[in-house]
């Protein structure tokens, strides 16, 4: 067998193998014109480009011996069959309204042909209203699928995630309203085809927001565990979060931008500038449990990458803690640390929250699957200092190197606003009150600043008093984390088609 160029590819990154019919022009070029009837097959494989971008490339092999050609095809197909992590049947949800309303076109033109090439069969559902996918996931026979794919932005992913995790807890008889309930892990992987106005989760787990790259990660059967935080208020389940829980600055931006959806993605820039100028701070109390099980810390510069050692060891340490102490360990009051103050922003992130505008994200060393969240407290400071902090998200400087910024790695935390503390005597009304504070910077005006809301993965939560708990590796993605940049992509593995045969 001969092919045009040397090409080393791991078996795990071969997409498909097909018999190829050579046309007359091909047969009459080069060495093949001497062959009476050359036989050929084409290998489709992952070709890695810069910035974590993947593409489907192909190479064609020719030989004169039909039997030998068929042997190669058979051997390669058998090796692909041995890749047990690859999906064969997928349930696909497409949000036709998200982002620039390109979800359906992106799937049909860029993703569906690749799934077809890889012999993946799909059931496609075009969502028609909010929570369509979530509700549908409670009804379908989920066991017939190897995974669920969502085509859209972070909102679409959140909907599918809530449906899958909720379905798992319902089937297992777990009460989601109990904040201390041990949740059942969701073993059905979720694939994200980015097609929204914000694709933070995809960017933070793959390294790029690109539909073709994500489709190829799904095809080769990648698996990336992901921590999920549960959010409760007064023993009532509110939401799950995998990226950002933000109170103050990011909550105010979201609340303001919701009124301006007609502006499209530009509304976030407008609302961000407006919120920065308003410079509101909020008083309250944060109490948290430090994540003593994890090997990393928020300022150690040790980013989460493919096959992350810190995530693996932290998972083992957490499992050992639970085995030794059970739930008593979770409720150990001595572990809680309490901080009271005036805050411009309170952010809890389960991942770096990186995006093209902020390549490092809100917490560059946050890990995807270590059973912890990074809690970032930005205390009241001058408008200029706050601007300096925000600018740090766009460059390589240490964004936590400010006297008014504190960061902690936690496994659970609670927040109560000042006004809710003042009204604790009337417990039954706490849930109905609008928490906030009076404008102490301008006492003469006596204006009342509406309470901030929590920004939970891009959706608003009106309860300012919340209880949050991180669930280690509660779900899995069709991703492999962000790979280390490899200078010589052509020789990144010893495995190759030649070695296979």
Protein backbone atom coordinates (compact mmCIF):
# COMPACT_ATOMS: atom_id res chain seq x y z
CA UNK A 1 0.00 0.00 0.00
CA UNK A 2 1.21 3.46 -0.83
CA UNK A 3 -0.06 6.93 -0.04
CA UNK A 4 1.00 10.41 -0.99
CA UNK A 5 2.57 11.59 2.29
CA UNK A 6 3.73 10.36 5.70
CA UNK A 7 0.95 10.78 8.19
CA UNK A 8 0.95 9.45 11.77
CA UNK A 9 -2.48 9.26 13.41
CA UNK A 10 -3.58 7.59 16.67
CA UNK A 11 -6.24 4.97 16.09
CA UNK A 12 -8.44 6.82 18.57
CA UNK A 13 -8.51 9.83 16.24
CA UNK A 14 -9.47 8.04 13.03
CA UNK A 15 -13.01 9.11 12.17
CA UNK A 16 -13.93 6.63 9.43
CA UNK A 17 -12.55 4.30 6.74
CA UNK A 18 -14.24 3.97 3.35
CA UNK A 19 -13.53 2.12 0.12
CA UNK A 20 -12.74 4.64 -2.60
CA UNK A 21 -13.53 4.52 -6.30
CA UNK A 22 -10.67 6.06 -8.28
CA UNK A 23 -11.77 8.11 -11.26
CA UNK A 24 -10.06 7.92 -14.65
CA UNK A 25 -7.99 11.05 -14.10
CA UNK A 26 -6.58 9.73 -10.82
CA UNK A 27 -5.78 6.35 -12.36
CA UNK A 28 -3.78 8.00 -15.15
CA UNK A 29 -1.45 9.97 -12.88
CA UNK A 30 1.91 8.99 -11.38
CA UNK A 31 2.61 5.38 -10.48
CA UNK A 32 -1.03 4.32 -10.72
CA UNK A 33 -1.16 4.55 -14.54
CA UNK A 34 0.86 1.30 -14.71
CA UNK A 35 -1.73 -0.54 -12.61
CA UNK A 36 -4.39 -2.32 -14.57
CA UNK A 37 -7.03 -1.74 -11.88
CA UNK A 38 -5.79 0.03 -8.75
CA UNK A 39 -7.84 -0.38 -5.54
CA UNK A 40 -8.08 2.33 -2.93
CA UNK A 41 -9.50 3.28 0.45
CA UNK A 42 -9.68 6.61 2.26
CA UNK A 43 -8.97 7.18 5.95
CA UNK A 44 -10.71 10.21 7.50
CA UNK A 45 -8.93 11.46 10.61
CA UNK A 46 -8.61 14.37 13.04
CA UNK A 47 -6.08 16.97 11.96
CA UNK A 48 -5.11 19.40 14.73
CA UNK A 49 -4.51 23.03 13.89
CA UNK A 50 -3.59 26.03 16.02
CA UNK A 51 -5.60 27.28 19.02
CA UNK A 52 -7.12 23.84 19.72
CA UNK A 53 -8.98 23.79 16.39
CA UNK A 54 -9.68 20.35 14.90
CA UNK A 55 -10.52 19.57 11.30
CA UNK A 56 -11.51 16.43 9.40
CA UNK A 57 -8.76 15.54 6.97
CA UNK A 58 -8.31 12.47 4.77
CA UNK A 59 -5.65 10.42 3.08
CA UNK A 60 -6.18 7.87 0.29
CA UNK A 61 -4.20 4.64 -0.07
CA UNK A 62 -3.83 2.74 -3.38
CA UNK A 63 -2.66 -0.78 -4.19
CA UNK A 64 -2.98 -3.28 -7.04
CA UNK A 65 -4.06 -6.21 -4.87
CA UNK A 66 -7.80 -6.09 -4.17
CA UNK A 67 -7.51 -8.70 -1.38
CA UNK A 68 -4.81 -6.71 0.39
CA UNK A 69 -6.85 -3.53 0.08
CA UNK A 70 -9.88 -5.24 1.65
CA UNK A 71 -7.69 -6.60 4.45
CA UNK A 72 -6.57 -3.08 5.31
CA UNK A 73 -10.14 -1.79 5.30
CA UNK A 74 -11.34 -4.67 7.48
CA UNK A 75 -8.48 -4.28 9.98
CA UNK A 76 -9.02 -0.54 10.31
CA UNK A 77 -12.77 -0.92 10.76
CA UNK A 78 -12.23 -3.58 13.42
CA UNK A 79 -9.89 -1.24 15.29
CA UNK A 80 -12.57 1.48 15.19
CA UNK A 81 -15.12 -1.01 16.57
CA UNK A 82 -12.79 -1.54 19.53
CA UNK A 83 -13.13 2.15 20.48
CA UNK A 84 -15.94 1.47 22.96
CA UNK A 85 -16.22 5.07 24.18
CA UNK A 86 -17.52 6.23 20.79
CA UNK A 87 -21.23 7.07 20.54
CA UNK A 88 -23.43 5.24 18.06
CA UNK A 89 -26.82 6.78 18.86
CA UNK A 90 -27.26 10.43 19.88
CA UNK A 91 -30.21 12.58 20.93
CA UNK A 92 -29.75 16.09 19.49
CA UNK A 93 -31.53 19.26 20.67
CA UNK A 94 -31.26 22.35 18.47
CA UNK A 95 -32.16 25.82 19.70
CA UNK A 96 -33.17 27.67 16.51
CA UNK A 97 -33.53 31.02 18.31
CA UNK A 98 -30.26 31.32 20.28
CA UNK A 99 -27.36 33.61 19.37
CA UNK A 100 -27.69 34.75 15.75
CA UNK A 101 -30.38 32.13 15.05
CA UNK A 102 -27.86 29.97 13.20
CA UNK A 103 -28.18 26.75 15.25
CA UNK A 104 -30.16 24.75 12.68
CA UNK A 105 -27.94 25.82 9.77
CA UNK A 106 -24.73 25.12 11.72
CA UNK A 107 -25.91 21.62 12.63
CA UNK A 108 -27.16 20.69 9.15
CA UNK A 109 -24.17 22.06 7.22
CA UNK A 110 -21.22 21.44 9.54
CA UNK A 111 -22.13 18.74 12.06
CA UNK A 112 -24.65 16.32 10.53
CA UNK A 113 -22.33 15.34 7.60
CA UNK A 114 -19.56 14.44 10.10
CA UNK A 115 -21.93 12.36 12.24
CA UNK A 116 -23.08 10.58 9.08
CA UNK A 117 -19.47 9.93 8.01
CA UNK A 118 -18.77 8.38 11.42
CA UNK A 119 -21.91 6.19 11.17
CA UNK A 120 -23.59 7.88 14.15
CA UNK A 121 -27.39 7.78 14.04
CA UNK A 122 -29.29 10.72 15.54
CA UNK A 123 -32.74 11.69 16.73
CA UNK A 124 -33.06 15.46 16.26
CA UNK A 125 -35.46 17.68 18.23
CA UNK A 126 -35.87 21.35 17.25
CA UNK A 127 -36.87 23.13 20.47
CA UNK A 128 -39.94 25.35 20.21
CA UNK A 129 -40.02 27.08 23.60
CA UNK A 130 -38.07 27.54 26.83
CA UNK A 131 -37.53 24.28 28.77
CA UNK A 132 -38.65 22.17 25.79
CA UNK A 133 -35.45 20.07 25.95
CA UNK A 134 -35.54 19.87 29.75
CA UNK A 135 -39.15 18.63 29.81
CA UNK A 136 -38.51 16.22 26.93
CA UNK A 137 -35.61 14.60 28.78
CA UNK A 138 -37.99 13.53 31.55
CA UNK A 139 -40.11 11.63 28.99
CA UNK A 140 -37.74 9.99 26.48
CA UNK A 141 -36.23 6.51 26.80
CA UNK A 142 -32.83 7.85 27.77
CA UNK A 143 -31.20 4.40 27.90
CA UNK A 144 -31.26 4.00 24.11
CA UNK A 145 -28.79 6.87 23.66
CA UNK A 146 -25.03 7.07 24.14
CA UNK A 147 -25.20 10.80 24.69
CA UNK A 148 -27.16 14.03 24.34
CA UNK A 149 -26.01 16.87 22.09
CA UNK A 150 -27.17 20.46 22.47
CA UNK A 151 -26.79 22.93 19.62
CA UNK A 152 -26.91 26.45 21.04
CA UNK A 153 -25.29 28.60 23.70
CA UNK A 154 -24.75 28.27 27.44
CA UNK A 155 -28.51 28.61 28.07
CA UNK A 156 -29.24 25.57 25.89
CA UNK A 157 -26.55 23.56 27.65
CA UNK A 158 -27.98 24.54 31.04
CA UNK A 159 -31.43 23.37 29.98
CA UNK A 160 -30.15 19.96 28.82
CA UNK A 161 -28.02 19.61 31.95
CA UNK A 162 -31.00 20.35 34.24
CA UNK A 163 -33.09 17.83 32.32
CA UNK A 164 -30.47 15.06 32.51
CA UNK A 165 -29.46 15.56 36.15
CA UNK A 166 -33.10 16.02 37.20
CA UNK A 167 -34.08 12.84 35.37
CA UNK A 168 -31.28 10.88 37.08
CA UNK A 169 -32.34 12.08 40.55
CA UNK A 170 -36.02 11.38 39.85
CA UNK A 171 -35.26 7.84 38.62
CA UNK A 172 -33.12 7.24 41.74
CA UNK A 173 -35.66 8.69 44.21
CA UNK A 174 -33.40 11.60 45.27
CA UNK A 175 -35.08 14.77 46.60
CA UNK A 176 -33.40 17.71 44.85
CA UNK A 177 -34.88 20.11 47.40
CA UNK A 178 -32.67 18.65 50.12
CA UNK A 179 -29.40 20.66 49.92
CA UNK A 180 -27.48 17.87 51.68
CA UNK A 181 -28.79 15.04 49.48
CA UNK A 182 -25.98 13.03 47.83
CA UNK A 183 -26.79 13.37 44.12
CA UNK A 184 -26.49 10.45 41.69
CA UNK A 185 -23.81 10.90 39.01
CA UNK A 186 -25.06 11.38 35.46
CA UNK A 187 -23.18 8.95 33.20
CA UNK A 188 -24.80 10.03 29.94
CA UNK A 189 -22.40 12.46 28.28
CA UNK A 190 -23.44 15.86 26.93
CA UNK A 191 -21.95 17.27 23.75
CA UNK A 192 -21.96 21.01 23.07
CA UNK A 193 -22.12 22.37 19.51
CA UNK A 194 -21.54 26.11 20.07
CA UNK A 195 -24.13 28.29 18.34
CA UNK A 196 -25.03 30.91 20.95
CA UNK A 197 -24.14 34.48 21.84
CA UNK A 198 -22.06 33.13 24.75
CA UNK A 199 -20.28 29.78 24.53
CA UNK A 200 -18.22 30.03 27.71
CA UNK A 201 -18.67 26.37 28.75
CA UNK A 202 -17.52 25.08 25.38
CA UNK A 203 -14.52 27.45 25.30
CA UNK A 204 -13.48 26.50 28.85
CA UNK A 205 -13.64 22.74 28.22
CA UNK A 206 -12.34 22.46 24.63
CA UNK A 207 -10.28 25.63 24.23
CA UNK A 208 -12.23 27.04 21.29
CA UNK A 209 -15.84 27.73 20.32
CA UNK A 210 -15.96 25.97 16.96
CA UNK A 211 -18.78 23.64 15.82
CA UNK A 212 -16.56 21.32 13.73
CA UNK A 213 -14.01 20.90 16.55
CA UNK A 214 -16.79 20.07 19.03
CA UNK A 215 -18.40 17.61 16.61
CA UNK A 216 -15.08 15.77 16.23
CA UNK A 217 -14.64 15.56 20.02
CA UNK A 218 -18.07 13.93 20.17
CA UNK A 219 -17.26 11.48 17.34
CA UNK A 220 -14.01 10.21 18.90
CA UNK A 221 -15.87 9.69 22.19
CA UNK A 222 -13.95 12.04 24.45
CA UNK A 223 -15.01 12.19 28.10
CA UNK A 224 -14.42 15.09 30.50
CA UNK A 225 -15.98 14.91 33.99
CA UNK A 226 -17.44 18.17 35.26
CA UNK A 227 -18.24 19.51 38.73
CA UNK A 228 -21.75 20.90 39.22
CA UNK A 229 -22.91 23.26 41.97
CA UNK A 230 -26.43 23.02 43.37
CA UNK A 231 -28.09 26.24 44.53
CA UNK A 232 -30.78 26.22 47.24
CA UNK A 233 -32.85 28.79 49.13
CA UNK A 234 -34.77 27.85 52.30
CA UNK A 235 -34.50 24.10 51.54
CA UNK A 236 -35.87 24.68 48.04
CA UNK A 237 -33.83 23.76 44.96
CA UNK A 238 -33.27 26.69 42.60
CA UNK A 239 -30.66 25.82 39.93
CA UNK A 240 -27.54 23.93 38.98
CA UNK A 241 -24.44 25.86 37.93
CA UNK A 242 -21.30 24.75 36.07
CA UNK A 243 -19.62 28.05 35.24
CA UNK A 244 -20.48 31.35 37.01
CA UNK A 245 -22.54 32.25 40.05
CA UNK A 246 -22.23 36.03 40.27
CA UNK A 247 -23.80 38.52 42.69
CA UNK A 248 -23.37 42.27 42.48
CA UNK A 249 -21.57 43.36 39.29
CA UNK A 250 -22.32 40.32 37.08
CA UNK A 251 -25.81 39.89 38.52
CA UNK A 252 -26.62 43.55 37.82
CA UNK A 253 -25.30 43.29 34.25
CA UNK A 254 -27.54 40.30 33.54
CA UNK A 255 -30.60 41.89 35.17
CA UNK A 256 -30.18 45.06 33.11
CA UNK A 257 -29.39 43.23 29.86
CA UNK A 258 -32.57 41.10 30.13
CA UNK A 259 -34.60 44.26 29.44
CA UNK A 260 -32.60 44.90 26.27
CA UNK A 261 -32.71 41.55 24.48
CA UNK A 262 -33.69 43.41 21.30
CA UNK A 263 -30.08 44.69 21.14
CA UNK A 264 -28.70 41.17 20.66
CA UNK A 265 -25.25 40.27 22.06
CA UNK A 266 -24.32 43.98 22.15
CA UNK A 267 -26.62 44.36 25.16
CA UNK A 268 -23.95 42.84 27.44
CA UNK A 269 -21.45 45.60 26.52
CA UNK A 270 -24.04 48.32 27.06
CA UNK A 271 -25.26 46.90 30.39
CA UNK A 272 -21.69 46.25 31.53
CA UNK A 273 -20.69 49.88 30.96
CA UNK A 274 -23.85 51.14 32.64
CA UNK A 275 -23.34 48.82 35.65
CA UNK A 276 -19.70 49.87 35.97
CA UNK A 277 -20.71 53.54 36.11
CA UNK A 278 -23.40 52.89 38.75
CA UNK A 279 -20.74 51.27 41.00
CA UNK A 280 -23.22 49.67 43.41
CA UNK A 281 -21.97 47.70 46.38
CA UNK A 282 -23.93 45.22 48.49
CA UNK A 283 -23.59 44.32 52.16
CA UNK A 284 -23.84 40.76 53.34
CA UNK A 285 -22.28 37.73 54.96
CA UNK A 286 -20.43 34.94 53.19
CA UNK A 287 -19.73 31.69 55.03
CA UNK A 288 -17.85 28.88 53.33
CA UNK A 289 -16.15 25.52 53.79
CA UNK A 290 -12.58 25.50 52.44
CA UNK A 291 -11.86 22.69 49.96
CA UNK A 292 -9.14 20.98 51.98
CA UNK A 293 -9.26 17.88 49.76
CA UNK A 294 -7.91 19.54 46.63
CA UNK A 295 -4.20 19.74 45.86
CA UNK A 296 -4.44 23.04 44.00
CA UNK A 297 -5.13 26.62 45.00
CA UNK A 298 -6.63 29.55 43.02
CA UNK A 299 -3.30 31.37 42.70
CA UNK A 300 -0.93 28.50 41.90
CA UNK A 301 -0.84 29.17 38.13
CA UNK A 302 -1.54 25.45 37.57
CA UNK A 303 -4.18 25.46 34.84
CA UNK A 304 -6.57 22.55 34.28
CA UNK A 305 -5.49 20.58 31.20
CA UNK A 306 -6.29 17.25 29.54
CA UNK A 307 -5.83 14.36 32.00
CA UNK A 308 -5.44 16.85 34.86
CA UNK A 309 -3.47 15.35 37.77
CA UNK A 310 -5.02 17.72 40.33
CA UNK A 311 -8.59 16.74 39.33
CA UNK A 312 -7.78 13.01 39.55
CA UNK A 313 -6.04 13.26 42.93
CA UNK A 314 -8.66 15.63 44.36
CA UNK A 315 -11.43 13.22 43.38
CA UNK A 316 -9.61 10.39 45.19
CA UNK A 317 -9.01 12.54 48.31
CA UNK A 318 -12.68 13.59 48.41
CA UNK A 319 -13.83 9.97 48.06
CA UNK A 320 -11.57 8.97 50.95
CA UNK A 321 -12.94 11.78 53.13
CA UNK A 322 -16.52 10.71 52.47
CA UNK A 323 -15.64 7.09 53.23
CA UNK A 324 -14.08 8.02 56.57
CA UNK A 325 -16.47 10.70 57.79
CA UNK A 326 -19.66 10.48 55.72
CA UNK A 327 -22.09 13.41 55.93
CA UNK A 328 -20.88 14.38 59.40
CA UNK A 329 -17.78 15.74 57.73
CA UNK A 330 -19.93 17.97 55.51
CA UNK A 331 -21.72 19.44 58.51
CA UNK A 332 -18.65 20.02 60.67
CA UNK A 333 -19.28 23.56 61.94
CA UNK A 334 -15.61 24.15 62.79
CA UNK A 335 -14.73 24.13 59.10
CA UNK A 336 -16.87 27.14 58.20
CA UNK A 337 -15.21 30.51 57.72
CA UNK A 338 -17.39 33.65 57.95
CA UNK A 339 -16.73 36.98 56.19
CA UNK A 340 -18.94 40.07 56.52
CA UNK A 341 -18.48 43.12 54.35
CA UNK A 342 -19.47 45.43 51.52
CA UNK A 343 -18.93 43.82 48.13
CA UNK A 344 -18.93 45.11 44.54
CA UNK A 345 -18.93 41.52 43.25
CA UNK A 346 -19.18 38.01 44.64
CA UNK A 347 -18.28 35.37 42.06
CA UNK A 348 -18.16 31.60 42.45
CA UNK A 349 -16.78 29.69 39.44
CA UNK A 350 -16.54 25.95 38.77
CA UNK A 351 -14.26 26.51 35.77
CA UNK A 352 -11.99 29.25 34.49
CA UNK A 353 -14.92 30.91 32.63
CA UNK A 354 -12.52 31.74 29.81
CA UNK A 355 -13.80 33.24 26.55
CA UNK A 356 -12.20 34.96 23.55
CA UNK A 357 -12.36 38.35 25.29
CA UNK A 358 -10.90 36.96 28.50
CA UNK A 359 -8.60 34.07 27.49
CA UNK A 360 -7.63 33.35 31.12
CA UNK A 361 -11.16 33.74 32.49
CA UNK A 362 -12.36 34.82 35.92
CA UNK A 363 -10.16 32.28 37.71
CA UNK A 364 -7.33 30.99 35.49
CA UNK A 365 -6.37 28.08 37.79
CA UNK A 366 -9.93 26.82 38.43
CA UNK A 367 -10.33 23.09 37.76
CA UNK A 368 -13.14 21.35 35.89
CA UNK A 369 -13.41 18.24 38.06
CA UNK A 370 -11.72 18.67 41.45
CA UNK A 371 -14.90 18.95 43.54
CA UNK A 372 -14.40 22.64 44.34
CA UNK A 373 -15.34 26.14 43.23
CA UNK A 374 -13.25 29.32 43.40
CA UNK A 375 -15.00 31.99 45.47
CA UNK A 376 -13.88 35.50 44.47
CA UNK A 377 -14.82 38.41 46.75
CA UNK A 378 -14.32 41.93 45.38
CA UNK A 379 -14.76 44.34 48.27
CA UNK A 380 -15.96 47.93 48.00
CA UNK A 381 -13.22 50.01 46.38
CA UNK A 382 -12.88 53.07 44.14
CA UNK A 383 -14.24 52.99 40.62
CA UNK A 384 -10.70 53.30 39.27
CA UNK A 385 -9.47 50.31 41.32
CA UNK A 386 -12.43 48.24 40.15
CA UNK A 387 -11.59 49.13 36.54
CA UNK A 388 -7.99 47.98 37.15
CA UNK A 389 -9.36 44.67 38.40
CA UNK A 390 -11.64 44.21 35.36
CA UNK A 391 -8.81 45.01 32.92
CA UNK A 392 -6.70 42.24 34.49
CA UNK A 393 -9.13 39.71 33.00
CA UNK A 394 -7.92 40.60 29.51
CA UNK A 395 -4.15 40.41 30.09
CA UNK A 396 -1.58 38.11 31.69
CA UNK A 397 -1.24 39.91 35.04
CA UNK A 398 -2.37 38.31 38.31
CA UNK A 399 -5.99 39.42 38.67
CA UNK A 400 -6.09 38.51 42.36
CA UNK A 401 -3.13 40.75 43.26
CA UNK A 402 -5.23 43.53 44.82
CA UNK A 403 -5.81 44.37 48.48
CA UNK A 404 -9.59 44.49 47.90
CA UNK A 405 -9.81 41.07 46.16
CA UNK A 406 -9.89 37.77 48.10
CA UNK A 407 -10.12 34.32 46.51
CA UNK A 408 -10.81 30.98 48.22
CA UNK A 409 -11.17 27.41 46.97
CA UNK A 410 -14.37 26.08 48.55
CA UNK A 411 -16.63 23.01 48.50
CA UNK A 412 -19.73 24.84 49.76
CA UNK A 413 -20.79 28.35 50.75
CA UNK A 414 -23.76 30.41 51.90
CA UNK A 415 -24.59 34.06 51.31
CA UNK A 416 -27.08 36.26 53.13
CA UNK A 417 -27.61 39.93 52.31
CA UNK A 418 -27.56 42.54 55.09
CA UNK A 419 -31.25 43.33 54.82
CA UNK A 420 -32.28 39.68 55.06
CA UNK A 421 -30.21 39.40 58.25
CA UNK A 422 -31.97 42.46 59.66
CA UNK A 423 -35.34 40.83 58.98
CA UNK A 424 -34.55 37.34 60.28
CA UNK A 425 -37.00 37.79 63.14
CA UNK A 426 -39.80 37.36 60.64
CA UNK A 427 -38.56 34.18 58.97
CA UNK A 428 -41.73 33.45 56.99
CA UNK A 429 -41.42 36.71 55.05
CA UNK A 430 -37.73 36.46 54.19
CA UNK A 431 -38.37 34.74 50.88
CA UNK A 432 -40.79 37.49 49.81
CA UNK A 433 -38.64 40.50 50.73
CA UNK A 434 -36.57 42.43 48.24
CA UNK A 435 -33.10 42.30 49.73
CA UNK A 436 -30.69 45.14 49.18
CA UNK A 437 -29.26 48.13 50.98
CA UNK A 438 -29.68 51.89 51.22
CA UNK A 439 -27.30 54.14 49.33
CA UNK A 440 -24.91 54.94 52.18
CA UNK A 441 -22.65 56.88 49.80
CA UNK A 442 -25.44 59.41 49.21
CA UNK A 443 -27.50 59.49 52.47
CA UNK A 444 -29.19 62.76 51.55
CA UNK A 445 -30.98 61.24 48.56
CA UNK A 446 -32.41 58.33 50.59
CA UNK A 447 -32.63 56.33 47.38
CA UNK A 448 -33.11 52.60 47.74
CA UNK A 449 -30.98 50.46 45.48
CA UNK A 450 -32.85 47.33 44.38
CA UNK A 451 -31.24 44.11 45.52
CA UNK A 452 -28.75 42.52 43.23
CA UNK A 453 -29.67 39.20 41.67
CA UNK A 454 -27.52 36.12 41.25
CA UNK A 455 -26.29 35.44 37.74
CA UNK A 456 -26.42 31.63 37.49
CA UNK A 457 -24.79 30.57 34.21
CA UNK A 458 -26.48 33.46 32.44
CA UNK A 459 -29.89 33.13 34.10
CA UNK A 460 -31.20 35.27 36.96
CA UNK A 461 -31.97 34.04 40.48
CA UNK A 462 -34.02 36.48 42.53
CA UNK A 463 -33.18 34.96 45.93
CA UNK A 464 -30.16 36.81 47.32
CA UNK A 465 -29.89 34.41 50.30
CA UNK A 466 -28.58 31.14 48.87
CA UNK A 467 -26.81 27.93 49.86
CA UNK A 468 -24.37 26.41 47.35
CA UNK A 469 -22.70 22.99 47.33
CA UNK A 470 -20.22 21.58 44.79
CA UNK A 471 -20.88 18.03 43.59
CA UNK A 472 -17.66 16.43 42.35
CA UNK A 473 -17.84 15.16 38.76
CA UNK A 474 -21.64 15.01 38.76
CA UNK A 475 -21.77 14.93 34.98
CA UNK A 476 -19.64 14.20 31.91
CA UNK A 477 -19.01 16.04 28.64
CA UNK A 478 -17.93 14.90 25.18
CA UNK A 479 -14.65 16.81 25.59
CA UNK A 480 -11.10 16.13 26.77
CA UNK A 481 -10.33 19.37 28.54
CA UNK A 482 -7.92 21.86 27.03
CA UNK A 483 -4.89 20.15 25.50
CA UNK A 484 -1.36 21.44 26.00
CA UNK A 485 -0.15 23.15 22.86
CA UNK A 486 1.99 20.73 20.85
CA UNK A 487 4.66 22.23 18.57
CA UNK A 488 4.84 19.27 16.24
CA UNK A 489 1.24 18.18 15.71
CA UNK A 490 2.24 15.64 13.07
CA UNK A 491 4.26 13.55 15.50
CA UNK A 492 2.33 13.83 18.76
CA UNK A 493 1.79 10.08 19.07
CA UNK A 494 3.62 6.87 18.25
CA UNK A 495 0.35 5.19 17.39
CA UNK A 496 -0.24 5.18 13.67
CA UNK A 497 -2.05 3.35 10.94
CA UNK A 498 1.21 1.62 10.04
CA UNK A 499 1.78 0.42 13.62
CA UNK A 500 -1.79 -0.80 13.81
CA UNK A 501 -1.25 -3.11 10.87
